[in-house]
Amino acid sequence: MEGWKKALLVAGAAGAGCVLYYLLREEQDTKQPSGDEIDEKANPEAELAKVQKLLAEMIKSQELMLYHMKNLAPVVRTKKLDFDETYKLLKGVQPEDPLQKNGLTIAEFDSYLDKHINDPKVKEGVQQLVTLQNPHVAPQAVVASSEQIIEVHKYMLEEVEKLVKQFKTKSDRESYDPKTVTLTAQSLVGAKVEEKFGLTSEDIEHAVMRHHEVLATDKEFASTTLQMQKRMSELMGVDKSHG
């Protein structure tokens, strides 16, 4: 996995669920590009333009979903909504998936993205997705320590594991949209974290980026993040290995 994807995945554990969904879903999505979905194989310039357009649509979709999730976070927390209530709430505001709209799988888009990653506009688009995970924080804001962030992530893992167990008991779980399930888990875990630690998702994302060098070499944080990725994969139906 490329470095920019790893950065998004770490931030996505506490932050934007749509990007987290794309990264995790890629593990399952092994269909090889056929060249039909981006029907510009014989015209590299047109293919590049399509990739740039898709990135722009993904950024717009992500920004809209982040806006909705930030506004809905207090509702989820104060009303103590359960899984299905939160799922229904998020499903009602979730924008259309740009890749699904264009008939592309994650693996197919990733192949086109890797092919054109050296294009300045593509690089800029990828950077914007990264930036969405690292929101501006006011100078007076208190930044959590690296030790606090590790404790928060351990707690997040515990809560995600509870959600996985709960979700697996649903006889109709196959009818749930994987992306909305990811967003629902993020919202519910975020509400628990804010209640226990007084930290919002934005606070956590900012602290992760601020302490990136320390956290990158911390074995406990790395292990916790990996376990959280696996549990989220289970929740989406990607990883069937964990019982």
C-alpha atoms as a PDB file:
ATOM      1  CA  MET A   1       0.000   0.000   0.000  1.00  0.00           C
ATOM      2  CA  GLU A   2       1.411   3.381  -1.001  1.00  0.00           C
ATOM      3  CA  GLY A   3       2.412   5.901   1.674  1.00  0.00           C
ATOM      4  CA  TRP A   4      -0.483   8.291   0.971  1.00  0.00           C
ATOM      5  CA  LYS A   5      -2.962   5.443   1.401  1.00  0.00           C
ATOM      6  CA  LYS A   6      -1.422   4.488   4.756  1.00  0.00           C
ATOM      7  CA  ALA A   7      -1.713   8.093   5.912  1.00  0.00           C
ATOM      8  CA  LEU A   8      -5.366   8.198   4.909  1.00  0.00           C
ATOM      9  CA  LEU A   9      -6.067   4.884   6.594  1.00  0.00           C
ATOM     10  CA  VAL A  10      -4.598   5.971   9.925  1.00  0.00           C
ATOM     11  CA  ALA A  11      -6.484   9.256   9.852  1.00  0.00           C
ATOM     12  CA  GLY A  12      -9.606   7.537   8.575  1.00  0.00           C
ATOM     13  CA  ALA A  13      -9.734   5.320  11.634  1.00  0.00           C
ATOM     14  CA  ALA A  14     -11.057   8.309  13.517  1.00  0.00           C
ATOM     15  CA  GLY A  15     -11.993  10.549  10.662  1.00  0.00           C
ATOM     16  CA  ALA A  16     -13.655  10.503   7.280  1.00  0.00           C
ATOM     17  CA  GLY A  17     -15.449   7.245   6.811  1.00  0.00           C
ATOM     18  CA  CYS A  18     -15.798   7.439   3.029  1.00  0.00           C
ATOM     19  CA  VAL A  19     -12.049   7.358   2.453  1.00  0.00           C
ATOM     20  CA  LEU A  20     -11.681   4.607   5.053  1.00  0.00           C
ATOM     21  CA  TYR A  21     -14.326   2.665   3.161  1.00  0.00           C
ATOM     22  CA  TYR A  22     -12.470   3.023  -0.130  1.00  0.00           C
ATOM     23  CA  LEU A  23      -9.174   1.851   1.370  1.00  0.00           C
ATOM     24  CA  LEU A  24     -10.616  -1.163   3.153  1.00  0.00           C
ATOM     25  CA  ARG A  25     -12.874  -2.122   0.300  1.00  0.00           C
ATOM     26  CA  GLU A  26      -9.855  -2.293  -2.008  1.00  0.00           C
ATOM     27  CA  GLU A  27      -8.722  -5.450  -0.171  1.00  0.00           C
ATOM     28  CA  GLN A  28     -11.814  -7.304  -1.360  1.00  0.00           C
ATOM     29  CA  ASP A  29     -12.213  -5.662  -4.735  1.00  0.00           C
ATOM     30  CA  THR A  30      -9.845  -7.701  -6.881  1.00  0.00           C
ATOM     31  CA  LYS A  31     -11.553  -7.292 -10.274  1.00  0.00           C
ATOM     32  CA  GLN A  32      -9.036  -6.238 -12.890  1.00  0.00           C
ATOM     33  CA  PRO A  33      -9.669  -3.162 -15.028  1.00  0.00           C
ATOM     34  CA  SER A  34     -11.291  -4.018 -18.328  1.00  0.00           C
ATOM     35  CA  GLY A  35     -10.901  -0.610 -19.931  1.00  0.00           C
ATOM     36  CA  ASP A  36     -14.647  -0.374 -20.489  1.00  0.00           C
ATOM     37  CA  GLU A  37     -15.637   1.729 -17.490  1.00  0.00           C
ATOM     38  CA  ILE A  38     -13.223   4.526 -18.368  1.00  0.00           C
ATOM     39  CA  ASP A  39     -13.766   4.164 -22.059  1.00  0.00           C
ATOM     40  CA  GLU A  40     -10.762   6.222 -23.046  1.00  0.00           C
ATOM     41  CA  LYS A  41      -8.097   3.509 -23.394  1.00  0.00           C
ATOM     42  CA  ALA A  42      -7.044   4.656 -26.843  1.00  0.00           C
ATOM     43  CA  ASN A  43      -6.886   8.290 -25.728  1.00  0.00           C
ATOM     44  CA  PRO A  44      -4.554   8.839 -22.724  1.00  0.00           C
ATOM     45  CA  GLU A  45      -5.460  12.525 -22.445  1.00  0.00           C
ATOM     46  CA  ALA A  46      -9.169  11.747 -22.225  1.00  0.00           C
ATOM     47  CA  GLU A  47      -8.475   9.001 -19.695  1.00  0.00           C
ATOM     48  CA  LEU A  48      -6.462  11.441 -17.565  1.00  0.00           C
ATOM     49  CA  ALA A  49      -9.275  13.990 -17.738  1.00  0.00           C
ATOM     50  CA  LYS A  50     -11.714  11.332 -16.529  1.00  0.00           C
ATOM     51  CA  VAL A  51      -9.468  10.445 -13.579  1.00  0.00           C
ATOM     52  CA  GLN A  52      -9.174  14.130 -12.657  1.00  0.00           C
ATOM     53  CA  LYS A  53     -12.954  14.522 -12.856  1.00  0.00           C
ATOM     54  CA  LEU A  54     -13.542  11.471 -10.658  1.00  0.00           C
ATOM     55  CA  LEU A  55     -11.090  12.747  -8.043  1.00  0.00           C
ATOM     56  CA  ALA A  56     -12.899  16.092  -7.983  1.00  0.00           C
ATOM     57  CA  GLU A  57     -16.235  14.299  -7.521  1.00  0.00           C
ATOM     58  CA  MET A  58     -14.786  12.180  -4.693  1.00  0.00           C
ATOM     59  CA  ILE A  59     -13.487  15.283  -2.926  1.00  0.00           C
ATOM     60  CA  LYS A  60     -16.848  17.035  -3.255  1.00  0.00           C
ATOM     61  CA  SER A  61     -18.674  13.952  -1.977  1.00  0.00           C
ATOM     62  CA  GLN A  62     -16.250  13.613   0.929  1.00  0.00           C
ATOM     63  CA  GLU A  63     -16.573  17.274   1.895  1.00  0.00           C
ATOM     64  CA  LEU A  64     -20.368  17.009   1.883  1.00  0.00           C
ATOM     65  CA  MET A  65     -20.346  13.863   4.013  1.00  0.00           C
ATOM     66  CA  LEU A  66     -17.907  15.394   6.488  1.00  0.00           C
ATOM     67  CA  TYR A  67     -20.208  18.407   6.778  1.00  0.00           C
ATOM     68  CA  HIS A  68     -23.212  16.196   7.487  1.00  0.00           C
ATOM     69  CA  MET A  69     -21.355  14.020   9.984  1.00  0.00           C
ATOM     70  CA  LYS A  70     -20.074  17.016  11.913  1.00  0.00           C
ATOM     71  CA  ASN A  71     -23.595  18.433  12.160  1.00  0.00           C
ATOM     72  CA  LEU A  72     -25.123  15.090  13.109  1.00  0.00           C
ATOM     73  CA  ALA A  73     -22.472  14.153  15.698  1.00  0.00           C
ATOM     74  CA  PRO A  74     -24.201  16.023  18.579  1.00  0.00           C
ATOM     75  CA  VAL A  75     -27.493  14.312  17.691  1.00  0.00           C
ATOM     76  CA  VAL A  76     -25.938  10.848  17.791  1.00  0.00           C
ATOM     77  CA  ARG A  77     -24.212  11.640  21.105  1.00  0.00           C
ATOM     78  CA  THR A  78     -26.960  13.463  23.010  1.00  0.00           C
ATOM     79  CA  LYS A  79     -29.832  11.254  21.871  1.00  0.00           C
ATOM     80  CA  LYS A  80     -27.692   8.139  22.325  1.00  0.00           C
ATOM     81  CA  LEU A  81     -28.868   6.703  19.020  1.00  0.00           C
ATOM     82  CA  ASP A  82     -28.386   2.994  18.426  1.00  0.00           C
ATOM     83  CA  PHE A  83     -26.839   1.394  15.340  1.00  0.00           C
ATOM     84  CA  ASP A  84     -29.958   1.274  13.192  1.00  0.00           C
ATOM     85  CA  GLU A  85     -31.076   4.785  14.141  1.00  0.00           C
ATOM     86  CA  THR A  86     -27.646   6.181  13.264  1.00  0.00           C
ATOM     87  CA  TYR A  87     -27.502   4.142  10.054  1.00  0.00           C
ATOM     88  CA  LYS A  88     -30.882   5.487   8.926  1.00  0.00           C
ATOM     89  CA  LEU A  89     -29.868   9.062   9.761  1.00  0.00           C
ATOM     90  CA  LEU A  90     -26.625   8.851   7.769  1.00  0.00           C
ATOM     91  CA  LYS A  91     -28.184   6.978   4.873  1.00  0.00           C
ATOM     92  CA  GLY A  92     -30.595   9.860   4.431  1.00  0.00           C
ATOM     93  CA  VAL A  93     -27.820  12.403   3.838  1.00  0.00           C
ATOM     94  CA  GLN A  94     -25.166  10.245   2.166  1.00  0.00           C
ATOM     95  CA  PRO A  95     -24.219  11.523  -1.306  1.00  0.00           C
ATOM     96  CA  GLU A  96     -24.033   9.197  -4.289  1.00  0.00           C
ATOM     97  CA  ASP A  97     -20.764   7.293  -4.606  1.00  0.00           C
ATOM     98  CA  PRO A  98     -18.826   8.784  -7.576  1.00  0.00           C
ATOM     99  CA  LEU A  99     -17.243   5.434  -8.442  1.00  0.00           C
ATOM    100  CA  GLN A 100     -20.514   3.527  -8.384  1.00  0.00           C
ATOM    101  CA  LYS A 101     -22.115   6.272 -10.432  1.00  0.00           C
ATOM    102  CA  ASN A 102     -19.411   5.819 -13.064  1.00  0.00           C
ATOM    103  CA  GLY A 103     -19.472   2.017 -12.976  1.00  0.00           C
ATOM    104  CA  LEU A 104     -15.992   1.649 -11.473  1.00  0.00           C
ATOM    105  CA  THR A 105     -14.711  -0.664  -8.763  1.00  0.00           C
ATOM    106  CA  ILE A 106     -12.086   0.477  -6.246  1.00  0.00           C
ATOM    107  CA  ALA A 107      -9.400  -1.691  -7.873  1.00  0.00           C
ATOM    108  CA  GLU A 108     -10.160  -0.296 -11.304  1.00  0.00           C
ATOM    109  CA  PHE A 109      -9.989   3.318 -10.175  1.00  0.00           C
ATOM    110  CA  ASP A 110      -6.831   2.598  -8.178  1.00  0.00           C
ATOM    111  CA  SER A 111      -5.203   1.208 -11.322  1.00  0.00           C
ATOM    112  CA  TYR A 112      -6.007   4.383 -13.268  1.00  0.00           C
ATOM    113  CA  LEU A 113      -4.903   6.531 -10.328  1.00  0.00           C
ATOM    114  CA  ASP A 114      -1.521   4.791 -10.086  1.00  0.00           C
ATOM    115  CA  LYS A 115      -1.097   5.185 -13.833  1.00  0.00           C
ATOM    116  CA  HIS A 116      -1.575   8.971 -13.654  1.00  0.00           C
ATOM    117  CA  ILE A 117      -0.238   9.700 -10.143  1.00  0.00           C
ATOM    118  CA  ASN A 118       2.578  11.875 -11.529  1.00  0.00           C
ATOM    119  CA  ASP A 119       0.111  14.276 -13.134  1.00  0.00           C
ATOM    120  CA  PRO A 120       0.086  17.557 -11.133  1.00  0.00           C
ATOM    121  CA  LYS A 121      -3.724  17.746 -10.981  1.00  0.00           C
ATOM    122  CA  VAL A 122      -4.003  14.124  -9.851  1.00  0.00           C
ATOM    123  CA  LYS A 123      -1.363  14.725  -7.175  1.00  0.00           C
ATOM    124  CA  GLU A 124      -3.274  17.806  -6.067  1.00  0.00           C
ATOM    125  CA  GLY A 125      -6.511  15.822  -5.876  1.00  0.00           C
ATOM    126  CA  VAL A 126      -4.914  13.104  -3.758  1.00  0.00           C
ATOM    127  CA  GLN A 127      -3.414  15.760  -1.489  1.00  0.00           C
ATOM    128  CA  GLN A 128      -6.837  17.334  -1.056  1.00  0.00           C
ATOM    129  CA  LEU A 129      -8.200  13.998   0.126  1.00  0.00           C
ATOM    130  CA  VAL A 130      -5.360  13.837   2.646  1.00  0.00           C
ATOM    131  CA  THR A 131      -6.041  17.422   3.715  1.00  0.00           C
ATOM    132  CA  LEU A 132      -9.673  16.586   4.373  1.00  0.00           C
ATOM    133  CA  GLN A 133      -8.406  14.213   7.064  1.00  0.00           C
ATOM    134  CA  ASN A 134      -6.341  16.955   8.719  1.00  0.00           C
ATOM    135  CA  PRO A 135      -8.713  19.814   9.558  1.00  0.00           C
ATOM    136  CA  HIS A 136      -7.609  23.253  10.658  1.00  0.00           C
ATOM    137  CA  VAL A 137      -7.609  23.594  14.423  1.00  0.00           C
ATOM    138  CA  ALA A 138      -7.759  26.954  16.173  1.00  0.00           C
ATOM    139  CA  PRO A 139      -4.443  28.025  17.782  1.00  0.00           C
ATOM    140  CA  GLN A 140      -6.007  27.990  21.252  1.00  0.00           C
ATOM    141  CA  ALA A 141      -7.208  24.401  20.889  1.00  0.00           C
ATOM    142  CA  VAL A 142      -5.688  21.867  23.281  1.00  0.00           C
ATOM    143  CA  VAL A 143      -3.818  19.134  21.405  1.00  0.00           C
ATOM    144  CA  ALA A 144      -4.007  15.680  22.967  1.00  0.00           C
ATOM    145  CA  SER A 145      -0.686  14.050  23.825  1.00  0.00           C
ATOM    146  CA  SER A 146       0.583  10.995  21.961  1.00  0.00           C
ATOM    147  CA  GLU A 147      -0.073   8.921  25.092  1.00  0.00           C
ATOM    148  CA  GLN A 148      -3.695  10.093  25.140  1.00  0.00           C
ATOM    149  CA  ILE A 149      -4.110   9.272  21.446  1.00  0.00           C
ATOM    150  CA  ILE A 150      -2.859   5.732  22.030  1.00  0.00           C
ATOM    151  CA  GLU A 151      -5.356   5.305  24.877  1.00  0.00           C
ATOM    152  CA  VAL A 152      -8.136   6.751  22.724  1.00  0.00           C
ATOM    153  CA  HIS A 153      -7.364   4.324  19.895  1.00  0.00           C
ATOM    154  CA  LYS A 154      -7.323   1.373  22.300  1.00  0.00           C
ATOM    155  CA  TYR A 155     -10.763   2.442  23.490  1.00  0.00           C
ATOM    156  CA  MET A 156     -11.932   2.921  19.906  1.00  0.00           C
ATOM    157  CA  LEU A 157     -10.817  -0.627  19.117  1.00  0.00           C
ATOM    158  CA  GLU A 158     -12.837  -1.960  22.050  1.00  0.00           C
ATOM    159  CA  GLU A 159     -15.938  -0.120  20.837  1.00  0.00           C
ATOM    160  CA  VAL A 160     -15.464  -1.244  17.230  1.00  0.00           C
ATOM    161  CA  GLU A 161     -15.171  -4.850  18.419  1.00  0.00           C
ATOM    162  CA  LYS A 162     -18.471  -4.467  20.263  1.00  0.00           C
ATOM    163  CA  LEU A 163     -20.098  -3.115  17.097  1.00  0.00           C
ATOM    164  CA  VAL A 164     -18.754  -6.009  15.033  1.00  0.00           C
ATOM    165  CA  LYS A 165     -20.253  -8.528  17.444  1.00  0.00           C
ATOM    166  CA  GLN A 166     -23.552  -6.640  17.485  1.00  0.00           C
ATOM    167  CA  PHE A 167     -23.695  -6.326  13.700  1.00  0.00           C
ATOM    168  CA  LYS A 168     -22.945 -10.021  13.162  1.00  0.00           C
ATOM    169  CA  THR A 169     -26.113 -10.918  15.088  1.00  0.00           C
ATOM    170  CA  LYS A 170     -28.261  -9.166  12.465  1.00  0.00           C
ATOM    171  CA  SER A 171     -29.895 -11.733  10.206  1.00  0.00           C
ATOM    172  CA  ASP A 172     -30.385  -9.079   7.498  1.00  0.00           C
ATOM    173  CA  ARG A 173     -26.848  -7.643   7.639  1.00  0.00           C
ATOM    174  CA  GLU A 174     -26.293  -8.429   3.939  1.00  0.00           C
ATOM    175  CA  SER A 175     -28.886  -5.773   3.095  1.00  0.00           C
ATOM    176  CA  TYR A 176     -26.860  -2.984   4.736  1.00  0.00           C
ATOM    177  CA  ASP A 177     -24.743  -0.672   2.569  1.00  0.00           C
ATOM    178  CA  PRO A 178     -21.042  -1.221   3.496  1.00  0.00           C
ATOM    179  CA  LYS A 179     -20.111   2.453   3.203  1.00  0.00           C
ATOM    180  CA  THR A 180     -23.001   3.563   5.411  1.00  0.00           C
ATOM    181  CA  VAL A 181     -22.056   0.839   7.902  1.00  0.00           C
ATOM    182  CA  THR A 182     -18.540   2.306   8.012  1.00  0.00           C
ATOM    183  CA  LEU A 183     -19.898   5.807   8.599  1.00  0.00           C
ATOM    184  CA  THR A 184     -22.285   4.511  11.251  1.00  0.00           C
ATOM    185  CA  ALA A 185     -19.462   2.809  13.136  1.00  0.00           C
ATOM    186  CA  GLN A 186     -17.394   5.982  12.930  1.00  0.00           C
ATOM    187  CA  SER A 187     -20.243   8.092  14.295  1.00  0.00           C
ATOM    188  CA  LEU A 188     -21.085   5.743  17.160  1.00  0.00           C
ATOM    189  CA  VAL A 189     -17.471   5.256  18.197  1.00  0.00           C
ATOM    190  CA  GLY A 190     -16.833   8.998  17.867  1.00  0.00           C
ATOM    191  CA  ALA A 191     -19.760   9.716  20.185  1.00  0.00           C
ATOM    192  CA  LYS A 192     -18.378   7.278  22.780  1.00  0.00           C
ATOM    193  CA  VAL A 193     -14.899   8.792  22.539  1.00  0.00           C
ATOM    194  CA  GLU A 194     -16.152  12.358  22.923  1.00  0.00           C
ATOM    195  CA  GLU A 195     -18.235  11.339  25.918  1.00  0.00           C
ATOM    196  CA  LYS A 196     -15.334   9.571  27.638  1.00  0.00           C
ATOM    197  CA  PHE A 197     -12.340  11.726  26.661  1.00  0.00           C
ATOM    198  CA  GLY A 198     -13.906  15.041  25.634  1.00  0.00           C
ATOM    199  CA  LEU A 199     -12.196  14.823  22.237  1.00  0.00           C
ATOM    200  CA  THR A 200     -13.937  15.244  18.886  1.00  0.00           C
ATOM    201  CA  SER A 201     -12.939  13.389  15.719  1.00  0.00           C
ATOM    202  CA  GLU A 202     -11.261  16.588  14.531  1.00  0.00           C
ATOM    203  CA  ASP A 203      -9.235  16.779  17.766  1.00  0.00           C
ATOM    204  CA  ILE A 204      -8.052  13.203  17.321  1.00  0.00           C
ATOM    205  CA  GLU A 205      -7.183  13.629  13.649  1.00  0.00           C
ATOM    206  CA  HIS A 206      -5.207  16.775  14.405  1.00  0.00           C
ATOM    207  CA  ALA A 207      -3.320  15.084  17.255  1.00  0.00           C
ATOM    208  CA  VAL A 208      -2.503  12.041  15.104  1.00  0.00           C
ATOM    209  CA  MET A 209      -0.981  14.309  12.467  1.00  0.00           C
ATOM    210  CA  ARG A 210       0.807  16.440  15.083  1.00  0.00           C
ATOM    211  CA  HIS A 211       2.379  13.378  16.735  1.00  0.00           C
ATOM    212  CA  HIS A 212       2.834  11.429  13.515  1.00  0.00           C
ATOM    213  CA  GLU A 213       6.581  10.831  13.976  1.00  0.00           C
ATOM    214  CA  VAL A 214       6.139   9.469  17.507  1.00  0.00           C
ATOM    215  CA  LEU A 215       3.103   7.363  16.676  1.00  0.00           C
ATOM    216  CA  ALA A 216       4.713   5.959  13.525  1.00  0.00           C
ATOM    217  CA  THR A 217       7.335   4.195  15.649  1.00  0.00           C
ATOM    218  CA  ASP A 218       5.054   3.169  18.519  1.00  0.00           C
ATOM    219  CA  LYS A 219       4.391  -0.591  18.378  1.00  0.00           C
ATOM    220  CA  GLU A 220       1.263  -0.398  20.524  1.00  0.00           C
ATOM    221  CA  PHE A 221      -0.298   2.263  18.307  1.00  0.00           C
ATOM    222  CA  ALA A 222       0.638   0.322  15.167  1.00  0.00           C
ATOM    223  CA  SER A 223      -0.872  -2.874  16.547  1.00  0.00           C
ATOM    224  CA  THR A 224      -4.052  -1.115  17.671  1.00  0.00           C
ATOM    225  CA  THR A 225      -4.474   0.593  14.304  1.00  0.00           C
ATOM    226  CA  LEU A 226      -3.959  -2.696  12.458  1.00  0.00           C
ATOM    227  CA  GLN A 227      -6.505  -4.461  14.658  1.00  0.00           C
ATOM    228  CA  MET A 228      -8.985  -1.643  14.110  1.00  0.00           C
ATOM    229  CA  GLN A 229      -8.494  -1.940  10.341  1.00  0.00           C
ATOM    230  CA  LYS A 230      -9.207  -5.677  10.555  1.00  0.00           C
ATOM    231  CA  ARG A 231     -12.330  -5.181  12.652  1.00  0.00           C
ATOM    232  CA  MET A 232     -13.637  -2.496  10.309  1.00  0.00           C
ATOM    233  CA  SER A 233     -12.994  -4.886   7.422  1.00  0.00           C
ATOM    234  CA  GLU A 234     -15.104  -7.472   9.231  1.00  0.00           C
ATOM    235  CA  LEU A 235     -17.857  -4.940   9.728  1.00  0.00           C
ATOM    236  CA  MET A 236     -17.893  -4.296   5.994  1.00  0.00           C
ATOM    237  CA  GLY A 237     -17.819  -7.994   5.178  1.00  0.00           C
ATOM    238  CA  VAL A 238     -14.299  -7.793   3.697  1.00  0.00           C
ATOM    239  CA  ASP A 239     -12.476  -9.920   6.305  1.00  0.00           C
ATOM    240  CA  LYS A 240     -14.153 -13.212   7.184  1.00  0.00           C
ATOM    241  CA  SER A 241     -11.187 -14.651   9.092  1.00  0.00           C
ATOM    242  CA  HIS A 242     -12.031 -13.368  12.561  1.00  0.00           C
ATOM    243  CA  GLY A 243     -14.692 -15.243  14.442  1.00  0.00           C
END
